[in-house]
Amino acid sequence: MRQNDTVARLGGDEFIILLSDLGKIEFVAGVAKVILGSLREPFVFADHKINSHASRGIAVYPDDCEDIDSLLKKSDMAMYAVKTQGRNNYKFFSNVIN
């Protein structure tokens, strides 16, 4: 992540990544692909291999919403759309509603 990005644990197994000043929406997909790639390989912890799978929902401010609550809600809707389609991928909210 970049210096001005924010990563936070929302609760349980949910995390939020806030990307600011990207310039182009296409860069968000690039970041999502990098995260996907980094989670493909198992983590080794105390001689145990741990496989991780993640579903990412992406909402864009101000295109998809007007406030933080809507941003979280719409990214959550996009994440659940990914989960229903097999997990371990990402989806933009704008693609969920179309």
PDB file of N, CA and C in Angstrom:
ATOM      1  N   MET A   1       0.838  -1.165   0.000  1.00  0.00           N
ATOM      2  CA  MET A   1       0.000   0.000   0.000  1.00  0.00           C
ATOM      3  C   MET A   1       0.897   1.247   0.000  1.00  0.00           C
ATOM      4  N   ARG A   2       0.304   2.338  -0.428  1.00  0.00           N
ATOM      5  CA  ARG A   2       1.045   3.591  -0.467  1.00  0.00           C
ATOM      6  C   ARG A   2       0.958   4.302   0.880  1.00  0.00           C
ATOM      7  N   GLN A   3       1.800   5.280   1.059  1.00  0.00           N
ATOM      8  CA  GLN A   3       1.868   6.034   2.316  1.00  0.00           C
ATOM      9  C   GLN A   3       0.519   6.655   2.692  1.00  0.00           C
ATOM     10  N   ASN A   4      -0.253   7.135   1.706  1.00  0.00           N
ATOM     11  CA  ASN A   4      -1.504   7.827   2.007  1.00  0.00           C
ATOM     12  C   ASN A   4      -2.734   6.926   1.956  1.00  0.00           C
ATOM     13  N   ASP A   5      -2.555   5.607   1.811  1.00  0.00           N
ATOM     14  CA  ASP A   5      -3.661   4.654   1.850  1.00  0.00           C
ATOM     15  C   ASP A   5      -3.905   4.221   3.290  1.00  0.00           C
ATOM     16  N   THR A   6      -5.109   3.720   3.537  1.00  0.00           N
ATOM     17  CA  THR A   6      -5.462   3.269   4.884  1.00  0.00           C
ATOM     18  C   THR A   6      -5.964   1.835   4.825  1.00  0.00           C
ATOM     19  N   VAL A   7      -5.452   0.988   5.703  1.00  0.00           N
ATOM     20  CA  VAL A   7      -5.918  -0.389   5.846  1.00  0.00           C
ATOM     21  C   VAL A   7      -6.394  -0.544   7.275  1.00  0.00           C
ATOM     22  N   ALA A   8      -7.617  -1.054   7.435  1.00  0.00           N
ATOM     23  CA  ALA A   8      -8.177  -1.209   8.777  1.00  0.00           C
ATOM     24  C   ALA A   8      -8.996  -2.488   8.851  1.00  0.00           C
ATOM     25  N   ARG A   9      -9.008  -3.082  10.026  1.00  0.00           N
ATOM     26  CA  ARG A   9      -9.855  -4.242  10.271  1.00  0.00           C
ATOM     27  C   ARG A   9     -11.200  -3.733  10.766  1.00  0.00           C
ATOM     28  N   LEU A  10     -12.249  -4.083  10.040  1.00  0.00           N
ATOM     29  CA  LEU A  10     -13.595  -3.643  10.408  1.00  0.00           C
ATOM     30  C   LEU A  10     -14.152  -4.514  11.526  1.00  0.00           C
ATOM     31  N   GLY A  11     -13.822  -5.790  11.489  1.00  0.00           N
ATOM     32  CA  GLY A  11     -14.285  -6.738  12.495  1.00  0.00           C
ATOM     33  C   GLY A  11     -14.268  -8.127  11.919  1.00  0.00           C
ATOM     34  N   GLY A  12     -14.055  -9.111  12.766  1.00  0.00           N
ATOM     35  CA  GLY A  12     -14.024 -10.494  12.282  1.00  0.00           C
ATOM     36  C   GLY A  12     -12.999 -10.650  11.185  1.00  0.00           C
ATOM     37  N   ASP A  13     -13.471 -11.067  10.029  1.00  0.00           N
ATOM     38  CA  ASP A  13     -12.552 -11.254   8.897  1.00  0.00           C
ATOM     39  C   ASP A  13     -12.769 -10.201   7.816  1.00  0.00           C
ATOM     40  N   GLU A  14     -13.310  -9.050   8.195  1.00  0.00           N
ATOM     41  CA  GLU A  14     -13.544  -7.970   7.232  1.00  0.00           C
ATOM     42  C   GLU A  14     -12.530  -6.845   7.429  1.00  0.00           C
ATOM     43  N   PHE A  15     -11.947  -6.446   6.307  1.00  0.00           N
ATOM     44  CA  PHE A  15     -10.963  -5.377   6.296  1.00  0.00           C
ATOM     45  C   PHE A  15     -11.385  -4.331   5.272  1.00  0.00           C
ATOM     46  N   ILE A  16     -10.943  -3.119   5.489  1.00  0.00           N
ATOM     47  CA  ILE A  16     -11.227  -2.021   4.579  1.00  0.00           C
ATOM     48  C   ILE A  16      -9.903  -1.447   4.110  1.00  0.00           C
ATOM     49  N   ILE A  17      -9.835  -1.178   2.820  1.00  0.00           N
ATOM     50  CA  ILE A  17      -8.687  -0.473   2.264  1.00  0.00           C
ATOM     51  C   ILE A  17      -9.222   0.788   1.598  1.00  0.00           C
ATOM     52  N   LEU A  18      -8.781   1.924   2.062  1.00  0.00           N
ATOM     53  CA  LEU A  18      -9.168   3.204   1.476  1.00  0.00           C
ATOM     54  C   LEU A  18      -8.010   3.708   0.626  1.00  0.00           C
ATOM     55  N   LEU A  19      -8.270   3.844  -0.660  1.00  0.00           N
ATOM     56  CA  LEU A  19      -7.263   4.349  -1.589  1.00  0.00           C
ATOM     57  C   LEU A  19      -7.658   5.768  -1.963  1.00  0.00           C
ATOM     58  N   SER A  20      -6.734   6.690  -1.877  1.00  0.00           N
ATOM     59  CA  SER A  20      -7.062   8.072  -2.212  1.00  0.00           C
ATOM     60  C   SER A  20      -6.159   8.576  -3.331  1.00  0.00           C
ATOM     61  N   ASP A  21      -6.689   9.528  -4.072  1.00  0.00           N
ATOM     62  CA  ASP A  21      -5.925  10.191  -5.128  1.00  0.00           C
ATOM     63  C   ASP A  21      -5.311   9.220  -6.131  1.00  0.00           C
ATOM     64  N   LEU A  22      -6.125   8.308  -6.648  1.00  0.00           N
ATOM     65  CA  LEU A  22      -5.611   7.352  -7.625  1.00  0.00           C
ATOM     66  C   LEU A  22      -5.531   7.924  -9.037  1.00  0.00           C
ATOM     67  N   GLY A  23      -6.318   8.895  -9.318  1.00  0.00           N
ATOM     68  CA  GLY A  23      -6.289   9.493 -10.645  1.00  0.00           C
ATOM     69  C   GLY A  23      -7.213   8.810 -11.633  1.00  0.00           C
ATOM     70  N   LYS A  24      -7.103   7.513 -11.791  1.00  0.00           N
ATOM     71  CA  LYS A  24      -7.945   6.757 -12.724  1.00  0.00           C
ATOM     72  C   LYS A  24      -8.565   5.564 -12.016  1.00  0.00           C
ATOM     73  N   ILE A  25      -9.806   5.293 -12.330  1.00  0.00           N
ATOM     74  CA  ILE A  25     -10.525   4.169 -11.718  1.00  0.00           C
ATOM     75  C   ILE A  25      -9.860   2.838 -12.064  1.00  0.00           C
ATOM     76  N   GLU A  26      -9.188   2.770 -13.211  1.00  0.00           N
ATOM     77  CA  GLU A  26      -8.523   1.533 -13.624  1.00  0.00           C
ATOM     78  C   GLU A  26      -7.438   1.117 -12.628  1.00  0.00           C
ATOM     79  N   PHE A  27      -6.868   2.076 -11.911  1.00  0.00           N
ATOM     80  CA  PHE A  27      -5.830   1.763 -10.936  1.00  0.00           C
ATOM     81  C   PHE A  27      -6.378   0.929  -9.783  1.00  0.00           C
ATOM     82  N   VAL A  28      -7.661   1.098  -9.462  1.00  0.00           N
ATOM     83  CA  VAL A  28      -8.273   0.323  -8.386  1.00  0.00           C
ATOM     84  C   VAL A  28      -8.263  -1.162  -8.736  1.00  0.00           C
ATOM     85  N   ALA A  29      -8.606  -1.492  -9.978  1.00  0.00           N
ATOM     86  CA  ALA A  29      -8.572  -2.888 -10.420  1.00  0.00           C
ATOM     87  C   ALA A  29      -7.150  -3.436 -10.332  1.00  0.00           C
ATOM     88  N   GLY A  30      -6.168  -2.625 -10.655  1.00  0.00           N
ATOM     89  CA  GLY A  30      -4.772  -3.056 -10.547  1.00  0.00           C
ATOM     90  C   GLY A  30      -4.393  -3.395  -9.120  1.00  0.00           C
ATOM     91  N   VAL A  31      -4.814  -2.565  -8.180  1.00  0.00           N
ATOM     92  CA  VAL A  31      -4.544  -2.833  -6.758  1.00  0.00           C
ATOM     93  C   VAL A  31      -5.244  -4.118  -6.329  1.00  0.00           C
ATOM     94  N   ALA A  32      -6.494  -4.300  -6.758  1.00  0.00           N
ATOM     95  CA  ALA A  32      -7.239  -5.519  -6.405  1.00  0.00           C
ATOM     96  C   ALA A  32      -6.523  -6.757  -6.948  1.00  0.00           C
ATOM     97  N   LYS A  33      -5.983  -6.680  -8.147  1.00  0.00           N
ATOM     98  CA  LYS A  33      -5.258  -7.817  -8.736  1.00  0.00           C
ATOM     99  C   LYS A  33      -3.976  -8.113  -7.971  1.00  0.00           C
ATOM    100  N   VAL A  34      -3.278  -7.085  -7.540  1.00  0.00           N
ATOM    101  CA  VAL A  34      -2.058  -7.286  -6.753  1.00  0.00           C
ATOM    102  C   VAL A  34      -2.389  -7.986  -5.434  1.00  0.00           C
ATOM    103  N   ILE A  35      -3.469  -7.557  -4.790  1.00  0.00           N
ATOM    104  CA  ILE A  35      -3.885  -8.190  -3.532  1.00  0.00           C
ATOM    105  C   ILE A  35      -4.273  -9.643  -3.780  1.00  0.00           C
ATOM    106  N   LEU A  36      -5.019  -9.896  -4.842  1.00  0.00           N
ATOM    107  CA  LEU A  36      -5.371 -11.278  -5.194  1.00  0.00           C
ATOM    108  C   LEU A  36      -4.130 -12.130  -5.347  1.00  0.00           C
ATOM    109  N   GLY A  37      -3.157 -11.626  -6.083  1.00  0.00           N
ATOM    110  CA  GLY A  37      -1.917 -12.371  -6.320  1.00  0.00           C
ATOM    111  C   GLY A  37      -1.150 -12.641  -5.043  1.00  0.00           C
ATOM    112  N   SER A  38      -1.122 -11.669  -4.141  1.00  0.00           N
ATOM    113  CA  SER A  38      -0.362 -11.848  -2.898  1.00  0.00           C
ATOM    114  C   SER A  38      -1.021 -12.859  -1.965  1.00  0.00           C
ATOM    115  N   LEU A  39      -2.330 -13.083  -2.121  1.00  0.00           N
ATOM    116  CA  LEU A  39      -3.026 -14.037  -1.257  1.00  0.00           C
ATOM    117  C   LEU A  39      -3.125 -15.439  -1.865  1.00  0.00           C
ATOM    118  N   ARG A  40      -2.669 -15.609  -3.098  1.00  0.00           N
ATOM    119  CA  ARG A  40      -2.741 -16.932  -3.740  1.00  0.00           C
ATOM    120  C   ARG A  40      -1.807 -17.954  -3.094  1.00  0.00           C
ATOM    121  N   GLU A  41      -0.630 -17.499  -2.728  1.00  0.00           N
ATOM    122  CA  GLU A  41       0.344 -18.392  -2.110  1.00  0.00           C
ATOM    123  C   GLU A  41      -0.005 -18.594  -0.643  1.00  0.00           C
ATOM    124  N   PRO A  42       0.130 -19.811  -0.148  1.00  0.00           N
ATOM    125  CA  PRO A  42      -0.168 -20.049   1.272  1.00  0.00           C
ATOM    126  C   PRO A  42       0.827 -19.324   2.176  1.00  0.00           C
ATOM    127  N   PHE A  43       0.354 -18.935   3.344  1.00  0.00           N
ATOM    128  CA  PHE A  43       1.209 -18.360   4.365  1.00  0.00           C
ATOM    129  C   PHE A  43       1.770 -19.511   5.182  1.00  0.00           C
ATOM    130  N   VAL A  44       3.019 -19.392   5.608  1.00  0.00           N
ATOM    131  CA  VAL A  44       3.612 -20.401   6.473  1.00  0.00           C
ATOM    132  C   VAL A  44       3.718 -19.807   7.868  1.00  0.00           C
ATOM    133  N   PHE A  45       3.101 -20.495   8.827  1.00  0.00           N
ATOM    134  CA  PHE A  45       3.103 -20.046  10.206  1.00  0.00           C
ATOM    135  C   PHE A  45       3.363 -21.247  11.094  1.00  0.00           C
ATOM    136  N   ALA A  46       4.448 -21.205  11.848  1.00  0.00           N
ATOM    137  CA  ALA A  46       4.816 -22.302  12.758  1.00  0.00           C
ATOM    138  C   ALA A  46       4.778 -23.646  12.031  1.00  0.00           C
ATOM    139  N   ASP A  47       5.417 -23.704  10.875  1.00  0.00           N
ATOM    140  CA  ASP A  47       5.510 -24.909  10.042  1.00  0.00           C
ATOM    141  C   ASP A  47       4.171 -25.398   9.499  1.00  0.00           C
ATOM    142  N   HIS A  48       3.169 -24.562   9.490  1.00  0.00           N
ATOM    143  CA  HIS A  48       1.863 -24.906   8.928  1.00  0.00           C
ATOM    144  C   HIS A  48       1.582 -24.001   7.730  1.00  0.00           C
ATOM    145  N   LYS A  49       1.059 -24.593   6.679  1.00  0.00           N
ATOM    146  CA  LYS A  49       0.651 -23.802   5.516  1.00  0.00           C
ATOM    147  C   LYS A  49      -0.804 -23.390   5.698  1.00  0.00           C
ATOM    148  N   ILE A  50      -1.051 -22.108   5.547  1.00  0.00           N
ATOM    149  CA  ILE A  50      -2.397 -21.569   5.712  1.00  0.00           C
ATOM    150  C   ILE A  50      -2.825 -20.944   4.390  1.00  0.00           C
ATOM    151  N   ASN A  51      -3.898 -21.473   3.832  1.00  0.00           N
ATOM    152  CA  ASN A  51      -4.430 -20.924   2.587  1.00  0.00           C
ATOM    153  C   ASN A  51      -5.447 -19.848   2.903  1.00  0.00           C
ATOM    154  N   SER A  52      -5.393 -18.785   2.146  1.00  0.00           N
ATOM    155  CA  SER A  52      -6.289 -17.658   2.365  1.00  0.00           C
ATOM    156  C   SER A  52      -7.068 -17.366   1.092  1.00  0.00           C
ATOM    157  N   HIS A  53      -8.337 -17.076   1.249  1.00  0.00           N
ATOM    158  CA  HIS A  53      -9.183 -16.676   0.133  1.00  0.00           C
ATOM    159  C   HIS A  53      -9.884 -15.393   0.542  1.00  0.00           C
ATOM    160  N   ALA A  54     -10.016 -14.496  -0.407  1.00  0.00           N
ATOM    161  CA  ALA A  54     -10.635 -13.224  -0.069  1.00  0.00           C
ATOM    162  C   ALA A  54     -11.567 -12.767  -1.181  1.00  0.00           C
ATOM    163  N   SER A  55     -12.678 -12.230  -0.772  1.00  0.00           N
ATOM    164  CA  SER A  55     -13.637 -11.631  -1.704  1.00  0.00           C
ATOM    165  C   SER A  55     -13.605 -10.135  -1.462  1.00  0.00           C
ATOM    166  N   ARG A  56     -13.438  -9.368  -2.533  1.00  0.00           N
ATOM    167  CA  ARG A  56     -13.330  -7.925  -2.406  1.00  0.00           C
ATOM    168  C   ARG A  56     -14.450  -7.224  -3.139  1.00  0.00           C
ATOM    169  N   GLY A  57     -15.108  -6.347  -2.425  1.00  0.00           N
ATOM    170  CA  GLY A  57     -16.125  -5.498  -3.021  1.00  0.00           C
ATOM    171  C   GLY A  57     -15.592  -4.083  -3.095  1.00  0.00           C
ATOM    172  N   ILE A  58     -15.792  -3.437  -4.237  1.00  0.00           N
ATOM    173  CA  ILE A  58     -15.225  -2.110  -4.447  1.00  0.00           C
ATOM    174  C   ILE A  58     -16.344  -1.112  -4.734  1.00  0.00           C
ATOM    175  N   ALA A  59     -16.356  -0.049  -3.947  1.00  0.00           N
ATOM    176  CA  ALA A  59     -17.249   1.084  -4.203  1.00  0.00           C
ATOM    177  C   ALA A  59     -16.374   2.323  -4.335  1.00  0.00           C
ATOM    178  N   VAL A  60     -16.787   3.226  -5.183  1.00  0.00           N
ATOM    179  CA  VAL A  60     -15.987   4.405  -5.494  1.00  0.00           C
ATOM    180  C   VAL A  60     -16.732   5.672  -5.081  1.00  0.00           C
ATOM    181  N   TYR A  61     -16.051   6.518  -4.339  1.00  0.00           N
ATOM    182  CA  TYR A  61     -16.606   7.808  -3.958  1.00  0.00           C
ATOM    183  C   TYR A  61     -16.084   8.856  -4.926  1.00  0.00           C
ATOM    184  N   PRO A  62     -16.886   9.719  -5.459  1.00  0.00           N
ATOM    185  CA  PRO A  62     -18.305   9.957  -5.246  1.00  0.00           C
ATOM    186  C   PRO A  62     -19.194   9.280  -6.296  1.00  0.00           C
ATOM    187  N   ASP A  63     -18.626   8.471  -7.162  1.00  0.00           N
ATOM    188  CA  ASP A  63     -19.409   7.852  -8.247  1.00  0.00           C
ATOM    189  C   ASP A  63     -20.548   6.979  -7.732  1.00  0.00           C
ATOM    190  N   ASP A  64     -20.287   6.184  -6.690  1.00  0.00           N
ATOM    191  CA  ASP A  64     -21.268   5.216  -6.196  1.00  0.00           C
ATOM    192  C   ASP A  64     -22.053   5.700  -4.983  1.00  0.00           C
ATOM    193  N   CYS A  65     -21.586   6.747  -4.314  1.00  0.00           N
ATOM    194  CA  CYS A  65     -22.211   7.130  -3.053  1.00  0.00           C
ATOM    195  C   CYS A  65     -21.882   8.571  -2.688  1.00  0.00           C
ATOM    196  N   GLU A  66     -22.555   9.033  -1.639  1.00  0.00           N
ATOM    197  CA  GLU A  66     -22.368  10.410  -1.191  1.00  0.00           C
ATOM    198  C   GLU A  66     -21.724  10.516   0.191  1.00  0.00           C
ATOM    199  N   ASP A  67     -21.652   9.393   0.921  1.00  0.00           N
ATOM    200  CA  ASP A  67     -21.098   9.452   2.277  1.00  0.00           C
ATOM    201  C   ASP A  67     -20.440   8.122   2.632  1.00  0.00           C
ATOM    202  N   ILE A  68     -19.788   8.098   3.772  1.00  0.00           N
ATOM    203  CA  ILE A  68     -19.030   6.912   4.197  1.00  0.00           C
ATOM    204  C   ILE A  68     -19.937   5.714   4.449  1.00  0.00           C
ATOM    205  N   ASP A  69     -21.105   5.944   5.022  1.00  0.00           N
ATOM    206  CA  ASP A  69     -22.020   4.833   5.283  1.00  0.00           C
ATOM    207  C   ASP A  69     -22.454   4.153   3.987  1.00  0.00           C
ATOM    208  N   SER A  70     -22.772   4.946   2.981  1.00  0.00           N
ATOM    209  CA  SER A  70     -23.147   4.386   1.680  1.00  0.00           C
ATOM    210  C   SER A  70     -21.965   3.690   1.019  1.00  0.00           C
ATOM    211  N   LEU A  71     -20.782   4.252   1.188  1.00  0.00           N
ATOM    212  CA  LEU A  71     -19.572   3.641   0.619  1.00  0.00           C
ATOM    213  C   LEU A  71     -19.364   2.245   1.197  1.00  0.00           C
ATOM    214  N   LEU A  72     -19.494   2.120   2.511  1.00  0.00           N
ATOM    215  CA  LEU A  72     -19.331   0.816   3.163  1.00  0.00           C
ATOM    216  C   LEU A  72     -20.438  -0.154   2.744  1.00  0.00           C
ATOM    217  N   LYS A  73     -21.669   0.313   2.707  1.00  0.00           N
ATOM    218  CA  LYS A  73     -22.799  -0.533   2.337  1.00  0.00           C
ATOM    219  C   LYS A  73     -22.648  -1.058   0.908  1.00  0.00           C
ATOM    220  N   LYS A  74     -22.277  -0.197  -0.005  1.00  0.00           N
ATOM    221  CA  LYS A  74     -22.182  -0.601  -1.407  1.00  0.00           C
ATOM    222  C   LYS A  74     -20.957  -1.475  -1.678  1.00  0.00           C
ATOM    223  N   SER A  75     -19.870  -1.242  -0.982  1.00  0.00           N
ATOM    224  CA  SER A  75     -18.726  -2.143  -1.134  1.00  0.00           C
ATOM    225  C   SER A  75     -19.066  -3.515  -0.551  1.00  0.00           C
ATOM    226  N   ASP A  76     -19.843  -3.537   0.518  1.00  0.00           N
ATOM    227  CA  ASP A  76     -20.299  -4.796   1.113  1.00  0.00           C
ATOM    228  C   ASP A  76     -21.208  -5.562   0.143  1.00  0.00           C
ATOM    229  N   MET A  77     -22.107  -4.835  -0.538  1.00  0.00           N
ATOM    230  CA  MET A  77     -22.979  -5.476  -1.527  1.00  0.00           C
ATOM    231  C   MET A  77     -22.153  -6.086  -2.662  1.00  0.00           C
ATOM    232  N   ALA A  78     -21.130  -5.370  -3.093  1.00  0.00           N
ATOM    233  CA  ALA A  78     -20.258  -5.885  -4.153  1.00  0.00           C
ATOM    234  C   ALA A  78     -19.485  -7.115  -3.673  1.00  0.00           C
ATOM    235  N   MET A  79     -19.043  -7.105  -2.414  1.00  0.00           N
ATOM    236  CA  MET A  79     -18.320  -8.250  -1.865  1.00  0.00           C
ATOM    237  C   MET A  79     -19.213  -9.488  -1.834  1.00  0.00           C
ATOM    238  N   TYR A  80     -20.460  -9.339  -1.414  1.00  0.00           N
ATOM    239  CA  TYR A  80     -21.359 -10.487  -1.364  1.00  0.00           C
ATOM    240  C   TYR A  80     -21.688 -10.995  -2.763  1.00  0.00           C
ATOM    241  N   ALA A  81     -21.688 -10.113  -3.748  1.00  0.00           N
ATOM    242  CA  ALA A  81     -21.869 -10.555  -5.133  1.00  0.00           C
ATOM    243  C   ALA A  81     -20.700 -11.443  -5.560  1.00  0.00           C
ATOM    244  N   VAL A  82     -19.504 -11.092  -5.137  1.00  0.00           N
ATOM    245  CA  VAL A  82     -18.325 -11.932  -5.429  1.00  0.00           C
ATOM    246  C   VAL A  82     -18.466 -13.282  -4.755  1.00  0.00           C
ATOM    247  N   LYS A  83     -18.891 -13.288  -3.515  1.00  0.00           N
ATOM    248  CA  LYS A  83     -19.030 -14.545  -2.767  1.00  0.00           C
ATOM    249  C   LYS A  83     -20.039 -15.482  -3.422  1.00  0.00           C
ATOM    250  N   THR A  84     -21.092 -14.949  -3.996  1.00  0.00           N
ATOM    251  CA  THR A  84     -22.091 -15.810  -4.642  1.00  0.00           C
ATOM    252  C   THR A  84     -21.596 -16.352  -5.977  1.00  0.00           C
ATOM    253  N   GLN A  85     -20.531 -15.746  -6.502  1.00  0.00           N
ATOM    254  CA  GLN A  85     -20.000 -16.180  -7.792  1.00  0.00           C
ATOM    255  C   GLN A  85     -18.701 -16.950  -7.658  1.00  0.00           C
ATOM    256  N   GLY A  86     -18.399 -17.461  -6.477  1.00  0.00           N
ATOM    257  CA  GLY A  86     -17.249 -18.333  -6.328  1.00  0.00           C
ATOM    258  C   GLY A  86     -16.109 -17.844  -5.474  1.00  0.00           C
ATOM    259  N   ARG A  87     -16.150 -16.636  -4.977  1.00  0.00           N
ATOM    260  CA  ARG A  87     -15.139 -16.088  -4.072  1.00  0.00           C
ATOM    261  C   ARG A  87     -13.795 -15.844  -4.741  1.00  0.00           C
ATOM    262  N   ASN A  88     -12.854 -15.378  -3.942  1.00  0.00           N
ATOM    263  CA  ASN A  88     -11.471 -15.144  -4.349  1.00  0.00           C
ATOM    264  C   ASN A  88     -11.372 -14.293  -5.615  1.00  0.00           C
ATOM    265  N   ASN A  89     -12.121 -13.209  -5.628  1.00  0.00           N
ATOM    266  CA  ASN A  89     -12.125 -12.304  -6.764  1.00  0.00           C
ATOM    267  C   ASN A  89     -12.535 -10.923  -6.262  1.00  0.00           C
ATOM    268  N   TYR A  90     -12.758  -9.991  -7.167  1.00  0.00           N
ATOM    269  CA  TYR A  90     -13.234  -8.665  -6.783  1.00  0.00           C
ATOM    270  C   TYR A  90     -14.328  -8.235  -7.759  1.00  0.00           C
ATOM    271  N   LYS A  91     -15.126  -7.290  -7.303  1.00  0.00           N
ATOM    272  CA  LYS A  91     -16.197  -6.770  -8.149  1.00  0.00           C
ATOM    273  C   LYS A  91     -16.470  -5.322  -7.733  1.00  0.00           C
ATOM    274  N   PHE A  92     -16.688  -4.487  -8.741  1.00  0.00           N
ATOM    275  CA  PHE A  92     -17.091  -3.107  -8.502  1.00  0.00           C
ATOM    276  C   PHE A  92     -18.585  -3.044  -8.255  1.00  0.00           C
ATOM    277  N   PHE A  93     -19.014  -2.168  -7.358  1.00  0.00           N
ATOM    278  CA  PHE A  93     -20.441  -1.994  -7.110  1.00  0.00           C
ATOM    279  C   PHE A  93     -21.170  -1.622  -8.397  1.00  0.00           C
ATOM    280  N   SER A  94     -20.554  -0.815  -9.229  1.00  0.00           N
ATOM    281  CA  SER A  94     -21.201  -0.397 -10.476  1.00  0.00           C
ATOM    282  C   SER A  94     -21.513  -1.581 -11.386  1.00  0.00           C
ATOM    283  N   ASN A  95     -20.772  -2.675 -11.253  1.00  0.00           N
ATOM    284  CA  ASN A  95     -21.055  -3.889 -12.028  1.00  0.00           C
ATOM    285  C   ASN A  95     -22.117  -4.767 -11.380  1.00  0.00           C
ATOM    286  N   VAL A  96     -22.373  -4.558 -10.112  1.00  0.00           N
ATOM    287  CA  VAL A  96     -23.400  -5.326  -9.397  1.00  0.00           C
ATOM    288  C   VAL A  96     -24.781  -4.845  -9.777  1.00  0.00           C
ATOM    289  N   ILE A  97     -24.926  -3.552  -9.931  1.00  0.00           N
ATOM    290  CA  ILE A  97     -26.251  -2.980 -10.186  1.00  0.00           C
ATOM    291  C   ILE A  97     -26.636  -3.030 -11.671  1.00  0.00           C
ATOM    292  N   ASN A  98     -25.679  -3.336 -12.530  1.00  0.00           N
ATOM    293  CA  ASN A  98     -25.969  -3.391 -13.973  1.00  0.00           C
ATOM    294  C   ASN A  98     -26.293  -4.797 -14.417  1.00  0.00           C
TER     295      ASN A  98
END
